[in-house]
Amino acid sequence: MPRAEAVLDALPAYLVRLGASVLPVSLAHALLAGSIQWEHREPPPRVRRSSVWCRQSRA
């Protein structure tokens, strides 16, 4: 991807303009999110849910 570097360089400023924050996703979160059997396949809700489950299991 020849333009990927330019996109990655602009990403932090773009996130600031959106008022967005970066969600720290561990390998455990990603693997759990991929294993969730839901009717919706969109990654963001699955990753958020897996992040909560991982935090709860450590508590």
C-alpha atoms as a PDB file:
ATOM      1  CA  MET A   1       0.000   0.000   0.000  1.00  0.00           C
ATOM      2  CA  PRO A   2       1.991   2.923  -1.245  1.00  0.00           C
ATOM      3  CA  ARG A   3      -0.092   5.589   0.560  1.00  0.00           C
ATOM      4  CA  ALA A   4      -0.351   3.784   3.896  1.00  0.00           C
ATOM      5  CA  GLU A   5       2.502   5.765   5.442  1.00  0.00           C
ATOM      6  CA  ALA A   6       0.776   9.073   4.701  1.00  0.00           C
ATOM      7  CA  VAL A   7      -2.483   7.798   6.191  1.00  0.00           C
ATOM      8  CA  LEU A   8      -0.721   6.562   9.328  1.00  0.00           C
ATOM      9  CA  ASP A   9       1.139   9.833   9.713  1.00  0.00           C
ATOM     10  CA  ALA A  10      -2.141  11.805   9.537  1.00  0.00           C
ATOM     11  CA  LEU A  11      -4.094   9.466  11.827  1.00  0.00           C
ATOM     12  CA  PRO A  12      -3.254  11.053  15.225  1.00  0.00           C
ATOM     13  CA  ALA A  13      -4.357  14.530  14.098  1.00  0.00           C
ATOM     14  CA  TYR A  14      -7.501  13.109  12.512  1.00  0.00           C
ATOM     15  CA  LEU A  15      -8.443  11.329  15.751  1.00  0.00           C
ATOM     16  CA  VAL A  16      -7.930  14.553  17.716  1.00  0.00           C
ATOM     17  CA  ARG A  17     -10.231  16.441  15.312  1.00  0.00           C
ATOM     18  CA  LEU A  18     -12.876  13.744  15.755  1.00  0.00           C
ATOM     19  CA  GLY A  19     -12.519  13.814  19.519  1.00  0.00           C
ATOM     20  CA  ALA A  20     -11.811  10.086  19.381  1.00  0.00           C
ATOM     21  CA  SER A  21      -9.525   8.054  21.551  1.00  0.00           C
ATOM     22  CA  VAL A  22      -7.609   4.880  20.887  1.00  0.00           C
ATOM     23  CA  LEU A  23      -8.899   1.712  22.503  1.00  0.00           C
ATOM     24  CA  PRO A  24      -6.036  -0.469  23.724  1.00  0.00           C
ATOM     25  CA  VAL A  25      -6.708  -3.931  22.312  1.00  0.00           C
ATOM     26  CA  SER A  26      -4.643  -6.867  23.489  1.00  0.00           C
ATOM     27  CA  LEU A  27      -4.239 -10.147  21.699  1.00  0.00           C
ATOM     28  CA  ALA A  28      -6.604 -11.701  24.257  1.00  0.00           C
ATOM     29  CA  HIS A  29      -9.248  -9.081  23.403  1.00  0.00           C
ATOM     30  CA  ALA A  30      -8.874  -9.684  19.676  1.00  0.00           C
ATOM     31  CA  LEU A  31      -9.061 -13.461  19.988  1.00  0.00           C
ATOM     32  CA  LEU A  32     -12.103 -13.282  22.244  1.00  0.00           C
ATOM     33  CA  ALA A  33     -13.827 -10.784  19.944  1.00  0.00           C
ATOM     34  CA  GLY A  34     -13.271 -13.099  16.997  1.00  0.00           C
ATOM     35  CA  SER A  35     -14.817 -16.003  18.862  1.00  0.00           C
ATOM     36  CA  ILE A  36     -18.041 -14.234  19.905  1.00  0.00           C
ATOM     37  CA  GLN A  37     -21.051 -15.771  18.183  1.00  0.00           C
ATOM     38  CA  TRP A  38     -23.276 -12.753  17.507  1.00  0.00           C
ATOM     39  CA  GLU A  39     -25.681 -11.952  14.735  1.00  0.00           C
ATOM     40  CA  HIS A  40     -23.753  -8.714  14.112  1.00  0.00           C
ATOM     41  CA  ARG A  41     -20.271  -9.128  12.663  1.00  0.00           C
ATOM     42  CA  GLU A  42     -19.087  -5.516  13.064  1.00  0.00           C
ATOM     43  CA  PRO A  43     -15.722  -5.530  14.861  1.00  0.00           C
ATOM     44  CA  PRO A  44     -16.050  -2.443  17.132  1.00  0.00           C
ATOM     45  CA  PRO A  45     -18.885  -3.731  19.366  1.00  0.00           C
ATOM     46  CA  ARG A  46     -17.238  -7.146  19.561  1.00  0.00           C
ATOM     47  CA  VAL A  47     -13.883  -5.674  20.595  1.00  0.00           C
ATOM     48  CA  ARG A  48     -15.481  -3.399  23.216  1.00  0.00           C
ATOM     49  CA  ARG A  49     -17.414  -6.324  24.701  1.00  0.00           C
ATOM     50  CA  SER A  50     -14.350  -8.582  24.748  1.00  0.00           C
ATOM     51  CA  SER A  51     -12.348  -5.821  26.449  1.00  0.00           C
ATOM     52  CA  VAL A  52     -14.949  -5.591  29.227  1.00  0.00           C
ATOM     53  CA  TRP A  53     -15.050  -9.381  29.648  1.00  0.00           C
ATOM     54  CA  CYS A  54     -11.249  -9.564  29.896  1.00  0.00           C
ATOM     55  CA  ARG A  55     -11.164  -6.796  32.525  1.00  0.00           C
ATOM     56  CA  GLN A  56     -13.933  -8.479  34.522  1.00  0.00           C
ATOM     57  CA  SER A  57     -12.157 -11.821  34.493  1.00  0.00           C
ATOM     58  CA  ARG A  58      -9.065 -10.184  36.051  1.00  0.00           C
ATOM     59  CA  ALA A  59     -11.094  -8.488  38.808  1.00  0.00           C
END
